Amino acid sequence: MNCLICLKEINAKTTSGYHSKCLKDLFGTDKIDVTLSESRRDLVTEMPKQTHGFSISGVQMKCQLAIEEGKLELVDSGGQFIMKPSPEEYPNVAENEHATLKLMARIGFEVPPCGLIRLEDGHLVFVIRRYDRNFLDGTKYHQEDAMQALGIANSDSGLKYTAASYEEVLTLVKEHGGDAVAASLFDRLAFSYLVGNDDHHLKNISFLYEPSFRLAPCYDVLGSSLYSSKADSPMALAMLKGGDEPKYYAEMGNGFYSGSDFVEMGARAGLRASALRSRLNRLVKSVGVHASGIIQNSFMPGEAKSEYEELVKQRIKFMAA
């Protein structure tokens, strides 16, 4: 049996489903009652009205949790954690997001502490610590998503897919944070492609401003294309400014981006192509080394694990082009 937080094996005698250290890392204590509800249906019924639809279907709900008197509780505001159950029509999204973020953390991305909670009916829900406020005293940190940073009014939710390209976001980040921060975003975009995250839109890219401009920790990353019916593009935004397609994608017409397409995108944003190719090679190698083990140790069902592994292998192959 594997830990519901770190996905590594736990002692067979452990009944909580967690390593003590992992509970402390996520919740700040291992003396916590993580019982939420008996079933997914009960949980959704009990969730506060301040829920939000987002991501692959627009119906995946999320709400806030707080630790109150040693127990996790659903709250309307001021929560320390975000909790997301899988949508009924997309089973095991929670398990997929957990595995994907654990893979990101394993290969060096900044990821908030996160894990899974098992309901009495067996359903698993995803829980992640909020990065936009101090865990101990609740102090809020100044942050903006890419739409806000680009000065785009949030009047239409569809604009998060159409108002700018990844090239334009990278250019903005380079201007405000320099090459190093922009290169870090480049890595995240390439990772999203490698794991089939076709929902990396403008509101899923955020920035913190203290002590200086930087990327917010990773969030809302999963192999969403495994559940998506979208066939027009493997990424949420256009790669290049003006709606142009990078060379390989445009010429091959096979529906897949290549590593050279990502390098072209980054170079048009002002980053050095040779450095981008080196970063891409390291990233692809690291994903290739770690993805299978984490996917297989995850709580996704067997068929979903196989589909996810196959997707990653396919994307790695195209990234070599």
Protein backbone atom coordinates (compact mmCIF):
# COMPACT_ATOMS: atom_id res chain seq x y z
CA MET A 1 0.00 0.00 0.00
CA ASN A 2 1.27 3.45 -0.91
CA CYS A 3 1.00 6.69 1.01
CA LEU A 4 -1.83 8.95 -0.17
CA ILE A 5 0.57 11.88 -0.15
CA CYS A 6 4.04 10.81 -1.31
CA LEU A 7 2.99 7.63 -3.22
CA LYS A 8 5.76 5.62 -1.55
CA GLU A 9 5.11 2.38 0.30
CA ILE A 10 3.88 2.52 3.87
CA ASN A 11 4.02 -0.06 6.64
CA ALA A 12 1.30 -2.69 6.26
CA LYS A 13 0.24 -2.05 9.87
CA THR A 14 -0.43 1.64 9.19
CA THR A 15 -4.17 2.24 9.03
CA SER A 16 -4.27 5.97 8.25
CA GLY A 17 -2.98 5.62 4.70
CA TYR A 18 -0.23 8.18 5.33
CA HIS A 19 3.31 8.48 6.57
CA SER A 20 3.43 10.61 9.69
CA LYS A 21 6.04 12.87 8.07
CA CYS A 22 3.86 13.35 5.00
CA LEU A 23 0.91 14.46 7.12
CA LYS A 24 3.17 17.00 8.84
CA ASP A 25 4.48 18.25 5.50
CA LEU A 26 0.97 18.81 4.11
CA PHE A 27 -1.09 19.77 7.16
CA GLY A 28 1.57 20.93 9.61
CA THR A 29 0.72 18.11 12.03
CA ASP A 30 0.19 14.36 12.01
CA LYS A 31 -2.53 14.67 14.67
CA ILE A 32 -5.36 15.55 12.33
CA ASP A 33 -8.76 14.11 11.44
CA VAL A 34 -9.05 14.12 7.65
CA THR A 35 -12.56 12.62 7.58
CA LEU A 36 -14.66 14.72 5.20
CA SER A 37 -17.79 12.80 4.19
CA GLU A 38 -19.08 9.28 3.77
CA SER A 39 -19.45 9.55 0.01
CA ARG A 40 -18.68 11.78 -2.94
CA ARG A 41 -22.36 12.69 -3.21
CA ASP A 42 -22.45 13.75 0.44
CA LEU A 43 -19.28 15.78 -0.03
CA VAL A 44 -20.59 17.68 -3.05
CA THR A 45 -23.84 18.39 -1.24
CA GLU A 46 -21.98 19.74 1.78
CA MET A 47 -19.53 21.88 -0.20
CA PRO A 48 -19.92 25.63 0.31
CA LYS A 49 -21.75 27.62 -2.32
CA GLN A 50 -18.54 29.43 -3.21
CA THR A 51 -17.39 26.72 -5.57
CA HIS A 52 -15.90 27.25 -8.99
CA GLY A 53 -16.08 25.39 -12.27
CA PHE A 54 -12.82 25.18 -14.21
CA SER A 55 -10.41 23.02 -16.11
CA ILE A 56 -11.24 20.23 -18.50
CA SER A 57 -15.01 20.37 -18.35
CA GLY A 58 -15.96 23.59 -16.61
CA VAL A 59 -17.69 21.53 -13.94
CA GLN A 60 -14.86 20.30 -11.76
CA MET A 61 -15.68 21.87 -8.42
CA LYS A 62 -13.23 23.12 -5.85
CA CYS A 63 -13.67 24.59 -2.42
CA GLN A 64 -11.62 25.63 0.59
CA LEU A 65 -10.64 23.62 3.64
CA ALA A 66 -9.29 24.77 6.98
CA ILE A 67 -7.99 22.98 10.05
CA GLU A 68 -10.37 23.67 12.94
CA GLU A 69 -9.82 22.00 16.31
CA GLY A 70 -7.68 19.29 14.78
CA LYS A 71 -10.11 18.45 11.96
CA LEU A 72 -10.35 19.39 8.30
CA GLU A 73 -13.50 21.40 7.69
CA LEU A 74 -15.17 22.83 4.59
CA VAL A 75 -15.19 26.64 4.80
CA ASP A 76 -16.55 29.52 2.73
CA SER A 77 -13.43 31.67 2.91
CA GLY A 78 -10.01 31.98 4.49
CA GLY A 79 -9.14 28.32 3.93
CA GLN A 80 -5.62 26.95 4.10
CA PHE A 81 -6.23 24.31 1.42
CA ILE A 82 -8.08 23.79 -1.85
CA MET A 83 -10.01 20.55 -2.22
CA LYS A 84 -11.22 19.08 -5.53
CA PRO A 85 -13.25 15.90 -6.06
CA SER A 86 -13.28 14.23 -9.47
CA PRO A 87 -16.24 15.19 -11.66
CA GLU A 88 -18.74 12.36 -12.10
CA GLU A 89 -18.20 12.36 -15.85
CA TYR A 90 -14.40 12.28 -15.48
CA PRO A 91 -13.48 9.67 -12.86
CA ASN A 92 -10.01 9.67 -11.30
CA VAL A 93 -9.10 13.24 -12.24
CA ALA A 94 -8.12 13.79 -8.60
CA GLU A 95 -5.71 10.85 -8.74
CA ASN A 96 -4.32 12.08 -12.07
CA GLU A 97 -3.66 15.61 -10.80
CA HIS A 98 -2.00 14.25 -7.67
CA ALA A 99 0.32 11.98 -9.67
CA THR A 100 1.16 14.74 -12.15
CA LEU A 101 2.12 17.24 -9.46
CA LYS A 102 4.15 14.60 -7.65
CA LEU A 103 6.02 14.02 -10.90
CA MET A 104 6.62 17.76 -11.20
CA ALA A 105 7.97 17.90 -7.66
CA ARG A 106 10.19 14.86 -8.27
CA ILE A 107 11.93 16.48 -11.22
CA GLY A 108 12.46 19.80 -9.48
CA PHE A 109 9.46 22.08 -10.06
CA GLU A 110 8.09 24.10 -7.15
CA VAL A 111 4.85 22.43 -6.08
CA PRO A 112 2.76 23.16 -2.96
CA PRO A 113 2.29 20.22 -0.57
CA CYS A 114 -0.60 18.09 -1.84
CA GLY A 115 -2.22 14.70 -1.36
CA LEU A 116 -5.38 12.65 -1.50
CA ILE A 117 -8.11 11.98 1.04
CA ARG A 118 -10.16 8.80 0.89
CA LEU A 119 -13.89 9.04 1.57
CA GLU A 120 -15.74 6.16 3.20
CA ASP A 121 -17.23 5.10 -0.15
CA GLY A 122 -13.70 4.77 -1.59
CA HIS A 123 -13.68 7.97 -3.64
CA LEU A 124 -10.47 9.96 -3.47
CA VAL A 125 -10.38 13.76 -3.44
CA PHE A 126 -7.39 15.97 -4.16
CA VAL A 127 -6.14 18.45 -1.54
CA ILE A 128 -3.43 21.06 -2.03
CA ARG A 129 -2.09 23.71 0.32
CA ARG A 130 -2.75 27.27 -0.82
CA TYR A 131 0.39 29.06 -1.96
CA ASP A 132 -1.19 32.53 -2.06
CA ARG A 133 -1.25 33.03 1.71
CA ASN A 134 0.90 32.34 4.73
CA PHE A 135 0.00 28.92 6.12
CA LEU A 136 0.41 29.98 9.75
CA ASP A 137 -1.20 33.40 9.94
CA GLY A 138 -3.26 33.62 6.74
CA THR A 139 -1.45 36.68 5.39
CA LYS A 140 -2.22 37.05 1.68
CA TYR A 141 0.60 37.34 -0.86
CA HIS A 142 0.30 39.68 -3.83
CA GLN A 143 -0.22 37.64 -6.95
CA GLU A 144 -1.56 38.04 -10.48
CA ASP A 145 -2.45 35.55 -13.16
CA ALA A 146 -1.23 36.06 -16.72
CA MET A 147 -4.47 37.70 -17.83
CA GLN A 148 -4.15 40.34 -15.14
CA ALA A 149 -0.43 40.82 -15.80
CA LEU A 150 -1.17 41.39 -19.50
CA GLY A 151 -3.90 43.93 -18.65
CA ILE A 152 -6.68 41.80 -20.11
CA ALA A 153 -10.13 42.31 -18.58
CA ASN A 154 -11.62 39.14 -17.14
CA SER A 155 -15.01 39.84 -18.70
CA ASP A 156 -15.22 36.64 -20.69
CA SER A 157 -13.88 33.34 -19.35
CA GLY A 158 -13.14 32.24 -22.90
CA LEU A 159 -10.47 34.94 -23.18
CA LYS A 160 -8.16 32.84 -21.04
CA TYR A 161 -7.69 30.64 -24.12
CA THR A 162 -7.56 33.30 -26.84
CA ALA A 163 -6.34 36.67 -25.53
CA ALA A 164 -2.62 35.93 -25.84
CA SER A 165 -0.11 33.33 -26.98
CA TYR A 166 2.55 31.55 -24.99
CA GLU A 167 5.15 33.62 -26.85
CA GLU A 168 3.53 36.81 -25.55
CA VAL A 169 3.40 35.49 -21.98
CA LEU A 170 7.06 34.47 -22.17
CA THR A 171 7.96 37.91 -23.51
CA LEU A 172 6.14 39.55 -20.61
CA VAL A 173 7.88 37.30 -18.08
CA LYS A 174 11.28 38.01 -19.62
CA GLU A 175 10.64 41.76 -19.34
CA HIS A 176 9.60 41.59 -15.70
CA GLY A 177 11.70 38.71 -14.36
CA GLY A 178 14.57 38.24 -16.78
CA ASP A 179 15.77 35.20 -18.68
CA ALA A 180 15.85 32.84 -15.69
CA VAL A 181 12.18 33.29 -14.78
CA ALA A 182 11.12 33.12 -18.43
CA ALA A 183 13.12 29.92 -18.91
CA SER A 184 11.38 28.41 -15.88
CA LEU A 185 8.00 29.14 -17.49
CA PHE A 186 9.32 27.59 -20.72
CA ASP A 187 10.07 24.41 -18.75
CA ARG A 188 6.54 24.35 -17.32
CA LEU A 189 4.96 24.75 -20.75
CA ALA A 190 7.09 21.94 -22.15
CA PHE A 191 6.18 19.73 -19.18
CA SER A 192 2.49 20.43 -19.74
CA TYR A 193 2.84 19.20 -23.29
CA LEU A 194 4.75 16.10 -22.21
CA VAL A 195 1.96 15.03 -19.81
CA GLY A 196 -0.96 16.03 -22.03
CA ASN A 197 -2.04 19.08 -20.02
CA ASP A 198 -4.07 20.82 -22.70
CA ASP A 199 -5.63 23.28 -20.21
CA HIS A 200 -2.58 25.43 -19.40
CA HIS A 201 -4.47 28.66 -20.07
CA LEU A 202 -3.75 32.25 -18.99
CA LYS A 203 -5.36 31.90 -15.58
CA ASN A 204 -3.27 28.80 -14.83
CA ILE A 205 -0.08 30.88 -15.07
CA SER A 206 0.42 33.11 -12.04
CA PHE A 207 3.10 35.35 -10.59
CA LEU A 208 4.13 36.43 -7.10
CA TYR A 209 5.74 39.83 -6.53
CA GLU A 210 7.44 39.40 -3.16
CA PRO A 211 10.34 39.59 -2.59
CA SER A 212 10.63 39.97 -6.37
CA PHE A 213 8.75 38.97 -9.52
CA ARG A 214 8.66 35.20 -9.89
CA LEU A 215 6.44 32.33 -10.97
CA ALA A 216 3.89 31.12 -8.46
CA PRO A 217 4.20 27.43 -7.53
CA CYS A 218 2.70 24.92 -9.94
CA TYR A 219 -1.03 24.20 -9.73
CA ASP A 220 -3.90 22.83 -11.86
CA VAL A 221 -1.61 20.54 -13.87
CA LEU A 222 -2.86 17.11 -14.98
CA GLY A 223 -3.06 14.89 -18.03
CA SER A 224 -6.29 16.59 -19.07
CA SER A 225 -6.15 15.52 -22.70
CA LEU A 226 -6.95 11.98 -21.52
CA TYR A 227 -10.42 13.31 -20.67
CA SER A 228 -10.79 16.07 -23.22
CA SER A 229 -12.69 15.90 -26.47
CA LYS A 230 -10.74 18.84 -27.89
CA ALA A 231 -8.91 17.88 -31.06
CA ASP A 232 -7.89 21.28 -32.41
CA SER A 233 -4.67 21.73 -30.43
CA PRO A 234 -2.60 19.82 -27.87
CA MET A 235 -2.08 23.06 -25.89
CA ALA A 236 -4.53 25.59 -24.46
CA LEU A 237 -3.05 28.69 -26.13
CA ALA A 238 -1.55 29.43 -29.50
CA MET A 239 2.19 28.97 -29.38
CA LEU A 240 3.15 32.07 -31.35
CA LYS A 241 2.00 35.67 -31.47
CA GLY A 242 -0.56 36.41 -34.16
CA GLY A 243 -1.80 32.84 -34.25
CA ASP A 244 1.14 31.56 -36.30
CA GLU A 245 2.12 27.96 -35.86
CA PRO A 246 5.74 26.90 -35.34
CA LYS A 247 7.49 25.28 -38.26
CA TYR A 248 7.33 21.55 -37.42
CA TYR A 249 3.69 21.67 -36.31
CA ALA A 250 2.65 23.65 -39.39
CA GLU A 251 4.56 21.55 -41.91
CA MET A 252 3.94 18.06 -40.54
CA GLY A 253 0.22 18.51 -39.89
CA ASN A 254 0.12 15.52 -37.56
CA GLY A 255 -1.36 17.36 -34.59
CA PHE A 256 1.78 17.14 -32.45
CA TYR A 257 4.35 19.72 -31.43
CA SER A 258 8.04 18.92 -31.47
CA GLY A 259 10.91 20.06 -29.34
CA SER A 260 11.97 22.41 -32.14
CA ASP A 261 8.55 24.07 -31.99
CA PHE A 262 9.06 24.89 -28.32
CA VAL A 263 12.56 26.19 -29.02
CA GLU A 264 11.16 28.38 -31.81
CA MET A 265 8.53 29.76 -29.42
CA GLY A 266 11.08 30.58 -26.73
CA ALA A 267 13.52 32.11 -29.20
CA ARG A 268 10.83 34.42 -30.56
CA ALA A 269 10.29 35.60 -26.99
CA GLY A 270 13.96 36.54 -26.80
CA LEU A 271 15.53 33.49 -25.12
CA ARG A 272 18.65 31.78 -26.48
CA ALA A 273 17.75 28.78 -28.65
CA SER A 274 20.82 26.75 -27.64
CA ALA A 275 20.03 27.16 -23.95
CA LEU A 276 16.40 26.21 -24.53
CA ARG A 277 17.38 23.04 -26.37
CA SER A 278 19.65 22.02 -23.46
CA ARG A 279 16.85 22.65 -20.94
CA LEU A 280 14.41 20.71 -23.06
CA ASN A 281 16.75 17.74 -23.35
CA ARG A 282 17.21 17.65 -19.56
CA LEU A 283 13.48 17.90 -18.95
CA VAL A 284 12.58 15.16 -21.42
CA LYS A 285 15.22 12.87 -19.94
CA SER A 286 14.00 13.48 -16.39
CA VAL A 287 10.35 12.88 -17.30
CA GLY A 288 11.39 9.69 -19.06
CA VAL A 289 13.23 8.48 -15.96
CA HIS A 290 10.54 9.25 -13.38
CA ALA A 291 7.11 9.26 -15.05
CA SER A 292 6.49 5.53 -15.22
CA GLY A 293 7.31 4.85 -11.58
CA ILE A 294 5.12 7.64 -10.26
CA ILE A 295 2.22 6.77 -12.55
CA GLN A 296 2.40 3.12 -11.52
CA ASN A 297 2.57 4.04 -7.82
CA SER A 298 -0.39 6.39 -8.17
CA PHE A 299 -3.99 5.67 -7.23
CA MET A 300 -5.29 5.80 -10.79
CA PRO A 301 -6.89 2.53 -11.95
CA GLY A 302 -4.79 0.19 -14.08
CA GLU A 303 -6.26 1.17 -17.44
CA ALA A 304 -5.83 4.88 -16.71
CA LYS A 305 -2.20 4.27 -15.72
CA SER A 306 -1.53 2.52 -19.02
CA GLU A 307 -3.18 5.30 -21.03
CA TYR A 308 -1.23 7.96 -19.19
CA GLU A 309 2.08 6.16 -19.63
CA GLU A 310 1.44 5.69 -23.33
CA LEU A 311 0.61 9.38 -23.76
CA VAL A 312 3.85 10.45 -22.05
CA LYS A 313 5.92 8.03 -24.14
CA GLN A 314 4.35 9.38 -27.32
CA ARG A 315 5.00 12.99 -26.38
CA ILE A 316 8.60 12.23 -25.43
CA LYS A 317 9.13 10.77 -28.89
CA PHE A 318 7.82 13.92 -30.60
CA MET A 319 9.87 16.15 -28.33
CA ALA A 320 13.00 14.61 -29.80
CA ALA A 321 12.09 16.10 -33.19
